[in-house]
């Protein structure tokens, strides 16, 4: 006679707050910061030594680059399967 071994799992408790909420909130706050910097932040102004060539870049562009990279890292670690 063969006996069947059944592994039992503890019952799952219902979550009031889903696991995906916190990384989603973190990503949303990052992009809210980009929006606020783009609206109210100063521009990045550069010029050469003689002062003849100047260029201006909105600081929101730089912040958006870092927010993109941070969002990618947060999403990759938080939303992977098996986590």
PDB file of N, CA and C in Angstrom:
ATOM      1  N   UNK A   1       0.827  -1.172   0.000  1.00  0.00           N
ATOM      2  CA  UNK A   1       0.000   0.000   0.000  1.00  0.00           C
ATOM      3  C   UNK A   1       0.881   1.249   0.000  1.00  0.00           C
ATOM      4  N   UNK A   2       0.579   2.171  -0.872  1.00  0.00           N
ATOM      5  CA  UNK A   2       1.374   3.394  -0.932  1.00  0.00           C
ATOM      6  C   UNK A   2       0.616   4.519  -0.271  1.00  0.00           C
ATOM      7  N   UNK A   3       1.358   5.272   0.485  1.00  0.00           N
ATOM      8  CA  UNK A   3       0.745   6.413   1.167  1.00  0.00           C
ATOM      9  C   UNK A   3       1.060   7.682   0.403  1.00  0.00           C
ATOM     10  N   UNK A   4       0.093   8.511   0.321  1.00  0.00           N
ATOM     11  CA  UNK A   4       0.257   9.770  -0.389  1.00  0.00           C
ATOM     12  C   UNK A   4       0.544  10.868   0.632  1.00  0.00           C
ATOM     13  N   UNK A   5       1.636  11.593   0.405  1.00  0.00           N
ATOM     14  CA  UNK A   5       2.001  12.677   1.309  1.00  0.00           C
ATOM     15  C   UNK A   5       1.466  13.977   0.714  1.00  0.00           C
ATOM     16  N   UNK A   6       0.675  14.654   1.500  1.00  0.00           N
ATOM     17  CA  UNK A   6       0.088  15.911   1.057  1.00  0.00           C
ATOM     18  C   UNK A   6       0.690  17.040   1.885  1.00  0.00           C
ATOM     19  N   UNK A   7       1.283  17.981   1.173  1.00  0.00           N
ATOM     20  CA  UNK A   7       1.832  19.137   1.882  1.00  0.00           C
ATOM     21  C   UNK A   7       0.720  20.153   2.079  1.00  0.00           C
ATOM     22  N   UNK A   8       0.586  20.595   3.279  1.00  0.00           N
ATOM     23  CA  UNK A   8      -0.466  21.584   3.538  1.00  0.00           C
ATOM     24  C   UNK A   8       0.152  22.968   3.673  1.00  0.00           C
ATOM     25  N   UNK A   9      -0.548  23.903   3.154  1.00  0.00           N
ATOM     26  CA  UNK A   9      -0.123  25.293   3.265  1.00  0.00           C
ATOM     27  C   UNK A   9      -0.955  25.972   4.334  1.00  0.00           C
ATOM     28  N   UNK A  10      -0.353  26.916   5.015  1.00  0.00           N
ATOM     29  CA  UNK A  10      -1.179  27.664   5.983  1.00  0.00           C
ATOM     30  C   UNK A  10      -2.227  28.473   5.222  1.00  0.00           C
ATOM     31  N   UNK A  11      -3.370  28.657   5.806  1.00  0.00           N
ATOM     32  CA  UNK A  11      -4.419  29.417   5.109  1.00  0.00           C
ATOM     33  C   UNK A  11      -3.967  30.856   4.853  1.00  0.00           C
ATOM     34  N   UNK A  12      -4.317  31.346   3.690  1.00  0.00           N
ATOM     35  CA  UNK A  12      -3.935  32.713   3.333  1.00  0.00           C
ATOM     36  C   UNK A  12      -4.879  33.696   4.001  1.00  0.00           C
ATOM     37  N   UNK A  13      -4.282  34.671   4.612  1.00  0.00           N
ATOM     38  CA  UNK A  13      -5.085  35.723   5.218  1.00  0.00           C
ATOM     39  C   UNK A  13      -5.367  36.788   4.169  1.00  0.00           C
ATOM     40  N   UNK A  14      -6.563  37.297   4.138  1.00  0.00           N
ATOM     41  CA  UNK A  14      -6.835  38.361   3.167  1.00  0.00           C
ATOM     42  C   UNK A  14      -6.050  39.617   3.535  1.00  0.00           C
ATOM     43  N   UNK A  15      -5.483  40.236   2.530  1.00  0.00           N
ATOM     44  CA  UNK A  15      -4.704  41.451   2.768  1.00  0.00           C
ATOM     45  C   UNK A  15      -5.593  42.663   2.599  1.00  0.00           C
ATOM     46  N   UNK A  16      -5.470  43.577   3.505  1.00  0.00           N
ATOM     47  CA  UNK A  16      -6.197  44.826   3.366  1.00  0.00           C
ATOM     48  C   UNK A  16      -5.526  45.727   2.339  1.00  0.00           C
ATOM     49  N   UNK A  17      -4.206  45.651   2.295  1.00  0.00           N
ATOM     50  CA  UNK A  17      -3.437  46.448   1.342  1.00  0.00           C
ATOM     51  C   UNK A  17      -2.650  45.474   0.476  1.00  0.00           C
ATOM     52  N   UNK A  18      -2.867  45.478  -0.829  1.00  0.00           N
ATOM     53  CA  UNK A  18      -2.131  44.544  -1.688  1.00  0.00           C
ATOM     54  C   UNK A  18      -0.642  44.864  -1.735  1.00  0.00           C
ATOM     55  N   UNK A  19       0.138  43.847  -1.998  1.00  0.00           N
ATOM     56  CA  UNK A  19       1.603  43.975  -2.032  1.00  0.00           C
ATOM     57  C   UNK A  19       2.056  44.967  -3.098  1.00  0.00           C
ATOM     58  N   UNK A  20       1.325  45.061  -4.191  1.00  0.00           N
ATOM     59  CA  UNK A  20       1.727  45.919  -5.299  1.00  0.00           C
ATOM     60  C   UNK A  20       1.472  47.399  -5.041  1.00  0.00           C
ATOM     61  N   UNK A  21       0.786  47.733  -3.973  1.00  0.00           N
ATOM     62  CA  UNK A  21       0.450  49.135  -3.699  1.00  0.00           C
ATOM     63  C   UNK A  21       1.693  49.970  -3.398  1.00  0.00           C
ATOM     64  N   UNK A  22       2.597  49.468  -2.573  1.00  0.00           N
ATOM     65  CA  UNK A  22       3.724  50.275  -2.116  1.00  0.00           C
ATOM     66  C   UNK A  22       4.711  50.613  -3.227  1.00  0.00           C
ATOM     67  N   UNK A  23       5.114  49.658  -4.064  1.00  0.00           N
ATOM     68  CA  UNK A  23       5.994  50.075  -5.167  1.00  0.00           C
ATOM     69  C   UNK A  23       5.288  50.988  -6.161  1.00  0.00           C
ATOM     70  N   UNK A  24       3.996  50.771  -6.371  1.00  0.00           N
ATOM     71  CA  UNK A  24       3.248  51.656  -7.269  1.00  0.00           C
ATOM     72  C   UNK A  24       3.198  53.072  -6.707  1.00  0.00           C
ATOM     73  N   UNK A  25       3.006  53.172  -5.420  1.00  0.00           N
ATOM     74  CA  UNK A  25       2.982  54.486  -4.766  1.00  0.00           C
ATOM     75  C   UNK A  25       4.354  55.157  -4.855  1.00  0.00           C
ATOM     76  N   UNK A  26       5.414  54.377  -4.682  1.00  0.00           N
ATOM     77  CA  UNK A  26       6.768  54.937  -4.773  1.00  0.00           C
ATOM     78  C   UNK A  26       7.045  55.472  -6.180  1.00  0.00           C
ATOM     79  N   UNK A  27       6.637  54.737  -7.196  1.00  0.00           N
ATOM     80  CA  UNK A  27       6.846  55.185  -8.574  1.00  0.00           C
ATOM     81  C   UNK A  27       6.013  56.432  -8.861  1.00  0.00           C
ATOM     82  N   UNK A  28       4.785  56.461  -8.368  1.00  0.00           N
ATOM     83  CA  UNK A  28       3.930  57.635  -8.584  1.00  0.00           C
ATOM     84  C   UNK A  28       4.528  58.877  -7.922  1.00  0.00           C
ATOM     85  N   UNK A  29       5.090  58.730  -6.738  1.00  0.00           N
ATOM     86  CA  UNK A  29       5.694  59.865  -6.041  1.00  0.00           C
ATOM     87  C   UNK A  29       6.944  60.348  -6.776  1.00  0.00           C
ATOM     88  N   UNK A  30       7.704  59.420  -7.352  1.00  0.00           N
ATOM     89  CA  UNK A  30       8.878  59.832  -8.134  1.00  0.00           C
ATOM     90  C   UNK A  30       8.465  60.723  -9.302  1.00  0.00           C
ATOM     91  N   UNK A  31       7.415  60.314 -10.006  1.00  0.00           N
ATOM     92  CA  UNK A  31       6.993  61.083 -11.177  1.00  0.00           C
ATOM     93  C   UNK A  31       6.263  62.359 -10.785  1.00  0.00           C
ATOM     94  N   UNK A  32       5.669  62.380  -9.608  1.00  0.00           N
ATOM     95  CA  UNK A  32       5.106  63.630  -9.090  1.00  0.00           C
ATOM     96  C   UNK A  32       6.222  64.624  -8.802  1.00  0.00           C
ATOM     97  N   UNK A  33       7.339  64.129  -8.287  1.00  0.00           N
ATOM     98  CA  UNK A  33       8.501  64.996  -8.059  1.00  0.00           C
ATOM     99  C   UNK A  33       9.040  65.544  -9.377  1.00  0.00           C
ATOM    100  N   UNK A  34       9.039  64.722 -10.416  1.00  0.00           N
ATOM    101  CA  UNK A  34       9.475  65.197 -11.733  1.00  0.00           C
ATOM    102  C   UNK A  34       8.554  66.316 -12.208  1.00  0.00           C
ATOM    103  N   UNK A  35       7.259  66.128 -12.046  1.00  0.00           N
ATOM    104  CA  UNK A  35       6.300  67.153 -12.457  1.00  0.00           C
ATOM    105  C   UNK A  35       6.537  68.460 -11.716  1.00  0.00           C
ATOM    106  N   UNK A  36       6.720  68.392 -10.409  1.00  0.00           N
ATOM    107  CA  UNK A  36       6.920  69.608  -9.617  1.00  0.00           C
ATOM    108  C   UNK A  36       8.236  70.302  -9.961  1.00  0.00           C
ATOM    109  N   UNK A  37       9.282  69.523 -10.194  1.00  0.00           N
ATOM    110  CA  UNK A  37      10.567  70.129 -10.578  1.00  0.00           C
ATOM    111  C   UNK A  37      10.453  70.758 -11.954  1.00  0.00           C
ATOM    112  N   UNK A  38       9.738  70.104 -12.865  1.00  0.00           N
ATOM    113  CA  UNK A  38       9.582  70.659 -14.208  1.00  0.00           C
ATOM    114  C   UNK A  38       8.781  71.962 -14.178  1.00  0.00           C
ATOM    115  N   UNK A  39       7.796  72.046 -13.297  1.00  0.00           N
ATOM    116  CA  UNK A  39       6.981  73.259 -13.227  1.00  0.00           C
ATOM    117  C   UNK A  39       7.660  74.394 -12.466  1.00  0.00           C
ATOM    118  N   UNK A  40       8.271  74.065 -11.341  1.00  0.00           N
ATOM    119  CA  UNK A  40       8.768  75.108 -10.442  1.00  0.00           C
ATOM    120  C   UNK A  40      10.288  75.156 -10.307  1.00  0.00           C
ATOM    121  N   UNK A  41      10.998  74.198 -10.864  1.00  0.00           N
ATOM    122  CA  UNK A  41      12.454  74.150 -10.712  1.00  0.00           C
ATOM    123  C   UNK A  41      13.163  75.106 -11.643  1.00  0.00           C
ATOM    124  N   UNK A  42      14.383  75.425 -11.321  1.00  0.00           N
ATOM    125  CA  UNK A  42      15.156  76.333 -12.183  1.00  0.00           C
ATOM    126  C   UNK A  42      15.690  75.587 -13.409  1.00  0.00           C
ATOM    127  N   UNK A  43      16.155  76.348 -14.374  1.00  0.00           N
ATOM    128  CA  UNK A  43      16.793  75.769 -15.555  1.00  0.00           C
ATOM    129  C   UNK A  43      18.281  75.601 -15.286  1.00  0.00           C
ATOM    130  N   UNK A  44      18.896  74.664 -15.992  1.00  0.00           N
ATOM    131  CA  UNK A  44      20.343  74.479 -15.920  1.00  0.00           C
ATOM    132  C   UNK A  44      20.939  75.297 -17.061  1.00  0.00           C
ATOM    133  N   UNK A  45      21.721  76.293 -16.709  1.00  0.00           N
ATOM    134  CA  UNK A  45      22.309  77.184 -17.712  1.00  0.00           C
ATOM    135  C   UNK A  45      23.810  76.985 -17.746  1.00  0.00           C
ATOM    136  N   UNK A  46      24.350  76.793 -18.939  1.00  0.00           N
ATOM    137  CA  UNK A  46      25.794  76.634 -19.111  1.00  0.00           C
ATOM    138  C   UNK A  46      26.283  77.636 -20.145  1.00  0.00           C
ATOM    139  N   UNK A  47      27.541  78.010 -20.013  1.00  0.00           N
ATOM    140  CA  UNK A  47      28.152  78.915 -21.000  1.00  0.00           C
ATOM    141  C   UNK A  47      29.638  78.600 -21.077  1.00  0.00           C
ATOM    142  N   UNK A  48      30.240  79.022 -22.164  1.00  0.00           N
ATOM    143  CA  UNK A  48      31.685  78.816 -22.292  1.00  0.00           C
ATOM    144  C   UNK A  48      32.428  79.901 -21.529  1.00  0.00           C
ATOM    145  N   UNK A  49      33.735  79.841 -21.524  1.00  0.00           N
ATOM    146  CA  UNK A  49      34.545  80.768 -20.735  1.00  0.00           C
ATOM    147  C   UNK A  49      34.380  82.209 -21.200  1.00  0.00           C
ATOM    148  N   UNK A  50      34.201  82.409 -22.484  1.00  0.00           N
ATOM    149  CA  UNK A  50      34.070  83.771 -22.996  1.00  0.00           C
ATOM    150  C   UNK A  50      32.653  84.306 -22.810  1.00  0.00           C
ATOM    151  N   UNK A  51      31.725  83.422 -22.553  1.00  0.00           N
ATOM    152  CA  UNK A  51      30.350  83.854 -22.350  1.00  0.00           C
ATOM    153  C   UNK A  51      29.582  84.055 -23.640  1.00  0.00           C
ATOM    154  N   UNK A  52      30.150  83.607 -24.762  1.00  0.00           N
ATOM    155  CA  UNK A  52      29.478  83.823 -26.042  1.00  0.00           C
ATOM    156  C   UNK A  52      28.433  82.758 -26.339  1.00  0.00           C
ATOM    157  N   UNK A  53      28.713  81.520 -25.967  1.00  0.00           N
ATOM    158  CA  UNK A  53      27.759  80.436 -26.188  1.00  0.00           C
ATOM    159  C   UNK A  53      27.083  80.070 -24.874  1.00  0.00           C
ATOM    160  N   UNK A  54      25.787  80.086 -24.868  1.00  0.00           N
ATOM    161  CA  UNK A  54      25.045  79.662 -23.680  1.00  0.00           C
ATOM    162  C   UNK A  54      23.995  78.644 -24.104  1.00  0.00           C
ATOM    163  N   UNK A  55      23.663  77.754 -23.200  1.00  0.00           N
ATOM    164  CA  UNK A  55      22.587  76.797 -23.440  1.00  0.00           C
ATOM    165  C   UNK A  55      21.791  76.624 -22.157  1.00  0.00           C
ATOM    166  N   UNK A  56      20.517  76.361 -22.334  1.00  0.00           N
ATOM    167  CA  UNK A  56      19.612  76.202 -21.200  1.00  0.00           C
ATOM    168  C   UNK A  56      18.849  74.893 -21.351  1.00  0.00           C
ATOM    169  N   UNK A  57      18.816  74.115 -20.281  1.00  0.00           N
ATOM    170  CA  UNK A  57      18.089  72.848 -20.250  1.00  0.00           C
ATOM    171  C   UNK A  57      17.198  72.874 -19.014  1.00  0.00           C
ATOM    172  N   UNK A  58      15.924  72.535 -19.158  1.00  0.00           N
ATOM    173  CA  UNK A  58      15.067  72.465 -17.969  1.00  0.00           C
ATOM    174  C   UNK A  58      15.578  71.387 -17.001  1.00  0.00           C
ATOM    175  N   UNK A  59      15.588  71.677 -15.733  1.00  0.00           N
ATOM    176  CA  UNK A  59      16.104  70.713 -14.759  1.00  0.00           C
ATOM    177  C   UNK A  59      15.207  69.481 -14.658  1.00  0.00           C
ATOM    178  N   UNK A  60      13.950  69.606 -15.085  1.00  0.00           N
ATOM    179  CA  UNK A  60      13.054  68.454 -15.081  1.00  0.00           C
ATOM    180  C   UNK A  60      13.534  67.331 -15.983  1.00  0.00           C
ATOM    181  N   UNK A  61      14.296  67.657 -17.017  1.00  0.00           N
ATOM    182  CA  UNK A  61      14.824  66.637 -17.923  1.00  0.00           C
ATOM    183  C   UNK A  61      15.805  65.734 -17.181  1.00  0.00           C
ATOM    184  N   UNK A  62      16.675  66.316 -16.402  1.00  0.00           N
ATOM    185  CA  UNK A  62      17.661  65.541 -15.644  1.00  0.00           C
ATOM    186  C   UNK A  62      16.975  64.719 -14.567  1.00  0.00           C
ATOM    187  N   UNK A  63      16.023  65.317 -13.875  1.00  0.00           N
ATOM    188  CA  UNK A  63      15.297  64.599 -12.827  1.00  0.00           C
ATOM    189  C   UNK A  63      14.483  63.460 -13.440  1.00  0.00           C
ATOM    190  N   UNK A  64      13.913  63.673 -14.619  1.00  0.00           N
ATOM    191  CA  UNK A  64      13.141  62.631 -15.298  1.00  0.00           C
ATOM    192  C   UNK A  64      14.020  61.440 -15.666  1.00  0.00           C
ATOM    193  N   UNK A  65      15.258  61.702 -16.074  1.00  0.00           N
ATOM    194  CA  UNK A  65      16.176  60.607 -16.385  1.00  0.00           C
ATOM    195  C   UNK A  65      16.399  59.722 -15.165  1.00  0.00           C
ATOM    196  N   UNK A  66      16.661  60.345 -14.025  1.00  0.00           N
ATOM    197  CA  UNK A  66      16.885  59.563 -12.808  1.00  0.00           C
ATOM    198  C   UNK A  66      15.600  58.915 -12.304  1.00  0.00           C
ATOM    199  N   UNK A  67      14.458  59.550 -12.484  1.00  0.00           N
ATOM    200  CA  UNK A  67      13.187  58.937 -12.102  1.00  0.00           C
ATOM    201  C   UNK A  67      12.893  57.725 -12.973  1.00  0.00           C
ATOM    202  N   UNK A  68      13.230  57.801 -14.251  1.00  0.00           N
ATOM    203  CA  UNK A  68      13.049  56.654 -15.137  1.00  0.00           C
ATOM    204  C   UNK A  68      13.885  55.472 -14.659  1.00  0.00           C
ATOM    205  N   UNK A  69      15.157  55.726 -14.370  1.00  0.00           N
ATOM    206  CA  UNK A  69      16.029  54.647 -13.905  1.00  0.00           C
ATOM    207  C   UNK A  69      15.542  54.071 -12.571  1.00  0.00           C
ATOM    208  N   UNK A  70      15.130  54.932 -11.658  1.00  0.00           N
ATOM    209  CA  UNK A  70      14.647  54.468 -10.356  1.00  0.00           C
ATOM    210  C   UNK A  70      13.334  53.696 -10.501  1.00  0.00           C
ATOM    211  N   UNK A  71      12.451  54.148 -11.380  1.00  0.00           N
ATOM    212  CA  UNK A  71      11.192  53.439 -11.607  1.00  0.00           C
ATOM    213  C   UNK A  71      11.453  52.051 -12.170  1.00  0.00           C
ATOM    214  N   UNK A  72      12.415  51.968 -13.058  1.00  0.00           N
ATOM    215  CA  UNK A  72      12.772  50.694 -13.656  1.00  0.00           C
ATOM    216  C   UNK A  72      13.260  49.714 -12.586  1.00  0.00           C
ATOM    217  N   UNK A  73      14.121  50.188 -11.702  1.00  0.00           N
ATOM    218  CA  UNK A  73      14.663  49.325 -10.646  1.00  0.00           C
ATOM    219  C   UNK A  73      13.560  48.908  -9.676  1.00  0.00           C
ATOM    220  N   UNK A  74      12.735  49.839  -9.251  1.00  0.00           N
ATOM    221  CA  UNK A  74      11.651  49.510  -8.311  1.00  0.00           C
ATOM    222  C   UNK A  74      10.691  48.513  -8.933  1.00  0.00           C
ATOM    223  N   UNK A  75      10.280  48.754 -10.171  1.00  0.00           N
ATOM    224  CA  UNK A  75       9.335  47.858 -10.830  1.00  0.00           C
ATOM    225  C   UNK A  75       9.936  46.478 -11.058  1.00  0.00           C
ATOM    226  N   UNK A  76      11.191  46.433 -11.428  1.00  0.00           N
ATOM    227  CA  UNK A  76      11.835  45.148 -11.693  1.00  0.00           C
ATOM    228  C   UNK A  76      11.902  44.289 -10.443  1.00  0.00           C
ATOM    229  N   UNK A  77      12.208  44.883  -9.307  1.00  0.00           N
ATOM    230  CA  UNK A  77      12.326  44.116  -8.075  1.00  0.00           C
ATOM    231  C   UNK A  77      10.978  43.865  -7.396  1.00  0.00           C
ATOM    232  N   UNK A  78      10.074  44.799  -7.512  1.00  0.00           N
ATOM    233  CA  UNK A  78       8.808  44.661  -6.786  1.00  0.00           C
ATOM    234  C   UNK A  78       7.791  43.797  -7.515  1.00  0.00           C
ATOM    235  N   UNK A  79       7.801  43.829  -8.834  1.00  0.00           N
ATOM    236  CA  UNK A  79       6.764  43.137  -9.592  1.00  0.00           C
ATOM    237  C   UNK A  79       7.235  41.864 -10.260  1.00  0.00           C
ATOM    238  N   UNK A  80       8.395  41.360  -9.881  1.00  0.00           N
ATOM    239  CA  UNK A  80       8.854  40.113 -10.479  1.00  0.00           C
ATOM    240  C   UNK A  80       8.011  38.949  -9.954  1.00  0.00           C
ATOM    241  N   UNK A  81       7.932  37.922 -10.748  1.00  0.00           N
ATOM    242  CA  UNK A  81       7.154  36.732 -10.365  1.00  0.00           C
ATOM    243  C   UNK A  81       7.892  35.959  -9.287  1.00  0.00           C
ATOM    244  N   UNK A  82       7.151  35.415  -8.369  1.00  0.00           N
ATOM    245  CA  UNK A  82       7.740  34.616  -7.304  1.00  0.00           C
ATOM    246  C   UNK A  82       8.214  35.419  -6.122  1.00  0.00           C
ATOM    247  N   UNK A  83       7.943  36.724  -6.129  1.00  0.00           N
ATOM    248  CA  UNK A  83       8.393  37.560  -5.012  1.00  0.00           C
ATOM    249  C   UNK A  83       7.372  37.543  -3.894  1.00  0.00           C
TER     250      UNK A  83
END
